[in-house]
């Protein structure tokens, strides 16, 4: 299936290093990030898992649940976690899905329906499983991105995207390029000047379709 922004993400049951989960039940009413990897014990992914572990307090501050997925088994995950924690000097306190049968990778359209893992496989056999999915409390997909195997993901940008998604969802605004918390936001074109003044107070009109304002406390 093809998964697009605002689609409800698939539900599934899976084994993780923290036990069995039912995905929608695990999501509950929280924001969540599902980030995937083609294989355990790979160099780029080890650095990425370490970065996510280091950001544990930041995810919690935003009410975001984090879950990893790799197309290897739970035993491999447990061994790999030791390397990740050694590398990052941080505890891996989030679950990692074991997706050896590729069920989840196919549900999220990371691999074609006829994909399989050959004997003696390498990460190249599941290279497209290098994605990030940000999911809202309504269980809808809010943002997705996929990277090649050679390029490490920027989880600072993913954190920034979470801030922007949470702000635009709760405040009815949009955010400009490179926006970070505390900067001016954009008033959507569908909001009239009169309504914008009532809601936000003063605002700057750059073009009739581009108006900026301070975000109300």
Protein backbone atom coordinates (compact mmCIF):
# COMPACT_ATOMS: atom_id res chain seq x y z
CA UNK A 1 0.00 0.00 0.00
CA UNK A 2 1.06 3.59 -0.55
CA UNK A 3 1.22 5.68 2.63
CA UNK A 4 0.63 9.41 2.27
CA UNK A 5 0.50 12.36 4.65
CA UNK A 6 -2.77 12.41 6.64
CA UNK A 7 -3.35 8.68 6.11
CA UNK A 8 -3.96 6.66 9.28
CA UNK A 9 -0.81 4.59 9.74
CA UNK A 10 -1.15 0.79 9.64
CA UNK A 11 -1.78 -1.15 12.83
CA UNK A 12 0.22 -4.32 13.45
CA UNK A 13 1.50 -6.64 16.15
CA UNK A 14 5.26 -7.11 16.44
CA UNK A 15 8.01 -8.38 18.69
CA UNK A 16 10.42 -5.81 20.11
CA UNK A 17 13.35 -5.94 22.50
CA UNK A 18 10.86 -4.75 25.14
CA UNK A 19 8.21 -7.39 24.38
CA UNK A 20 5.21 -7.69 22.07
CA UNK A 21 3.35 -4.53 21.05
CA UNK A 22 0.15 -3.71 19.16
CA UNK A 23 1.19 -0.54 17.34
CA UNK A 24 -1.97 1.59 17.65
CA UNK A 25 -2.29 0.59 21.29
CA UNK A 26 1.36 1.51 21.88
CA UNK A 27 0.83 4.87 20.15
CA UNK A 28 -2.13 5.64 22.45
CA UNK A 29 -2.84 9.37 22.02
CA UNK A 30 0.78 10.50 21.71
CA UNK A 31 2.94 11.97 19.02
CA UNK A 32 5.37 9.32 17.83
CA UNK A 33 8.37 8.73 15.61
CA UNK A 34 8.99 5.43 13.84
CA UNK A 35 12.47 5.29 12.32
CA UNK A 36 13.75 2.35 10.34
CA UNK A 37 17.04 0.65 9.54
CA UNK A 38 18.06 -1.98 6.97
CA UNK A 39 20.22 -4.05 9.33
CA UNK A 40 21.67 -4.21 12.84
CA UNK A 41 25.40 -3.72 13.43
CA UNK A 42 25.78 -1.21 10.59
CA UNK A 43 27.92 1.93 11.00
CA UNK A 44 25.60 4.80 9.99
CA UNK A 45 22.62 3.35 11.85
CA UNK A 46 24.67 2.87 15.02
CA UNK A 47 25.45 6.60 15.07
CA UNK A 48 21.79 7.42 14.43
CA UNK A 49 20.47 5.21 17.21
CA UNK A 50 23.00 6.86 19.51
CA UNK A 51 21.72 10.30 18.53
CA UNK A 52 18.12 9.29 19.24
CA UNK A 53 19.13 7.87 22.62
CA UNK A 54 20.93 11.11 23.53
CA UNK A 55 17.75 13.07 22.74
CA UNK A 56 15.65 11.04 25.20
CA UNK A 57 14.82 14.05 27.40
CA UNK A 58 13.88 16.15 24.37
CA UNK A 59 11.41 13.54 23.08
CA UNK A 60 9.84 13.25 26.54
CA UNK A 61 9.60 17.04 26.88
CA UNK A 62 7.48 17.11 23.72
CA UNK A 63 5.38 14.07 24.62
CA UNK A 64 6.84 12.09 21.71
CA UNK A 65 7.21 8.31 21.77
CA UNK A 66 10.10 6.92 19.75
CA UNK A 67 10.36 3.43 18.28
CA UNK A 68 12.98 1.93 15.99
CA UNK A 69 12.62 -0.89 13.50
CA UNK A 70 15.23 -3.10 11.86
CA UNK A 71 14.78 -6.17 9.71
CA UNK A 72 16.68 -8.34 12.19
CA UNK A 73 15.59 -10.32 15.23
CA UNK A 74 15.28 -9.45 18.91
CA UNK A 75 18.51 -11.26 19.84
CA UNK A 76 20.44 -9.16 17.32
CA UNK A 77 18.77 -6.02 18.67
CA UNK A 78 19.86 -6.85 22.22
CA UNK A 79 23.47 -7.30 21.13
CA UNK A 80 23.47 -4.19 18.97
CA UNK A 81 22.08 -2.05 21.79
CA UNK A 82 25.29 -2.70 23.72
CA UNK A 83 27.31 -1.17 20.88
CA UNK A 84 24.93 1.79 20.57
CA UNK A 85 25.10 2.58 24.28
CA UNK A 86 28.88 2.24 24.28
CA UNK A 87 29.18 4.58 21.29
CA UNK A 88 26.75 7.22 22.53
CA UNK A 89 27.21 6.96 26.31
CA UNK A 90 23.41 7.00 26.47
CA UNK A 91 20.76 4.43 27.35
CA UNK A 92 18.56 3.07 24.59
CA UNK A 93 15.25 3.36 26.45
CA UNK A 94 12.93 2.96 23.44
CA UNK A 95 11.75 -0.28 21.80
CA UNK A 96 13.16 -1.67 18.55
CA UNK A 97 10.81 -3.71 16.36
CA UNK A 98 12.08 -7.01 14.98
CA UNK A 99 10.86 -7.13 11.40
CA UNK A 100 12.60 -10.19 10.00
CA UNK A 101 9.54 -11.12 7.92
CA UNK A 102 9.41 -7.56 6.46
CA UNK A 103 5.76 -7.22 7.47
CA UNK A 104 6.09 -3.71 8.86
CA UNK A 105 8.47 -2.54 6.14
CA UNK A 106 5.89 -3.56 3.54
CA UNK A 107 2.93 -2.08 5.46
CA UNK A 108 4.72 1.28 5.48
CA UNK A 109 5.64 0.97 1.79
CA UNK A 110 9.38 0.86 2.49
CA UNK A 111 9.75 -2.35 0.48
CA UNK A 112 7.73 -3.86 -2.40
CA UNK A 113 5.23 -6.59 -1.61
CA UNK A 114 7.41 -9.28 -3.22
CA UNK A 115 10.61 -8.34 -1.34
CA UNK A 116 12.39 -11.03 0.66
CA UNK A 117 15.66 -11.41 2.57
CA UNK A 118 18.09 -13.72 0.76
CA UNK A 119 20.54 -15.95 2.59
CA UNK A 120 23.72 -14.08 3.47
CA UNK A 121 22.00 -10.79 2.88
CA UNK A 122 23.69 -7.42 3.17
CA UNK A 123 22.13 -4.04 4.08
CA UNK A 124 21.77 -3.37 0.34
CA UNK A 125 19.03 -6.01 0.18
CA UNK A 126 16.81 -3.81 2.36
CA UNK A 127 18.34 -0.43 1.59
CA UNK A 128 15.02 1.41 1.29
CA UNK A 129 14.30 0.70 4.94
CA UNK A 130 15.91 4.03 5.94
CA UNK A 131 12.83 6.09 6.66
CA UNK A 132 11.39 8.36 9.35
CA UNK A 133 7.66 8.66 10.02
CA UNK A 134 6.25 11.32 12.36
CA UNK A 135 2.79 10.31 13.55
CA UNK A 136 0.23 12.55 15.26
CA UNK A 137 -2.04 11.76 18.23
CA UNK A 138 -4.80 11.00 15.69
CA UNK A 139 -2.57 8.18 14.35
CA UNK A 140 -2.21 9.98 11.03
CA UNK A 141 1.09 10.33 9.21
CA UNK A 142 2.25 13.94 9.51
CA UNK A 143 5.69 13.79 7.86
CA UNK A 144 7.94 11.20 6.25
CA UNK A 145 11.45 11.20 4.82
CA UNK A 146 13.74 8.54 3.39
CA UNK A 147 17.53 8.64 3.24
CA UNK A 148 20.10 6.59 1.35
CA UNK A 149 22.32 4.23 3.34
CA UNK A 150 25.40 6.44 3.08
CA UNK A 151 23.87 9.62 4.55
CA UNK A 152 23.19 9.87 8.28
CA UNK A 153 19.92 11.47 9.24
CA UNK A 154 19.79 14.80 11.07
CA UNK A 155 17.71 14.18 14.18
CA UNK A 156 18.07 17.83 15.13
CA UNK A 157 16.01 18.58 12.02
CA UNK A 158 13.51 15.87 12.96
CA UNK A 159 13.18 17.47 16.40
CA UNK A 160 12.66 20.86 14.72
CA UNK A 161 10.00 19.33 12.47
CA UNK A 162 8.19 17.94 15.53
CA UNK A 163 8.19 21.42 17.09
CA UNK A 164 6.77 22.90 13.90
CA UNK A 165 4.12 20.19 13.53
CA UNK A 166 2.99 20.53 17.14
CA UNK A 167 2.87 24.33 16.84
CA UNK A 168 0.97 24.46 13.55
CA UNK A 169 -1.49 21.80 14.71
CA UNK A 170 -2.29 23.47 18.02
CA UNK A 171 -2.13 27.14 16.98
CA UNK A 172 -3.60 27.16 13.47
CA UNK A 173 -0.56 28.76 11.86
CA UNK A 174 2.17 27.81 9.38
CA UNK A 175 5.94 28.09 9.82
CA UNK A 176 8.46 29.67 7.41
CA UNK A 177 11.72 28.18 6.23
CA UNK A 178 14.16 27.10 8.96
CA UNK A 179 11.67 28.08 11.68
CA UNK A 180 12.51 27.33 15.30
CA UNK A 181 10.53 27.86 18.50
CA UNK A 182 10.26 31.55 19.39
CA UNK A 183 10.43 32.90 15.85
CA UNK A 184 7.59 34.54 13.94
CA UNK A 185 4.98 32.32 12.30
CA UNK A 186 2.88 32.66 9.16
CA UNK A 187 -0.84 33.43 9.20
CA UNK A 188 -2.62 31.09 6.77
CA UNK A 189 -4.12 32.84 3.70
CA UNK A 190 -7.58 31.47 4.59
CA UNK A 191 -7.61 33.72 7.71
CA UNK A 192 -8.88 37.24 6.95
CA UNK A 193 -7.00 40.32 8.15
CA UNK A 194 -9.85 41.04 10.57
CA UNK A 195 -9.76 37.57 12.07
CA UNK A 196 -5.95 37.62 12.14
CA UNK A 197 -5.95 40.86 14.13
CA UNK A 198 -8.50 39.47 16.58
CA UNK A 199 -6.52 36.25 17.05
CA UNK A 200 -2.90 37.44 16.88
CA UNK A 201 -2.98 41.20 17.39
CA UNK A 202 -0.44 43.06 15.27
CA UNK A 203 1.04 41.35 12.23
CA UNK A 204 3.31 42.22 9.31
CA UNK A 205 1.97 42.06 5.75
CA UNK A 206 4.81 41.31 3.34
CA UNK A 207 2.52 40.29 0.48
CA UNK A 208 -1.27 39.85 0.62
CA UNK A 209 -0.64 36.10 0.87
CA UNK A 210 2.36 36.32 3.25
CA UNK A 211 1.70 37.71 6.71
CA UNK A 212 3.90 37.11 9.74
CA UNK A 213 3.14 37.46 13.43
CA UNK A 214 4.48 36.57 16.84
CA UNK A 215 3.01 33.37 18.17
CA UNK A 216 0.69 34.08 21.13
CA UNK A 217 1.77 32.60 24.44
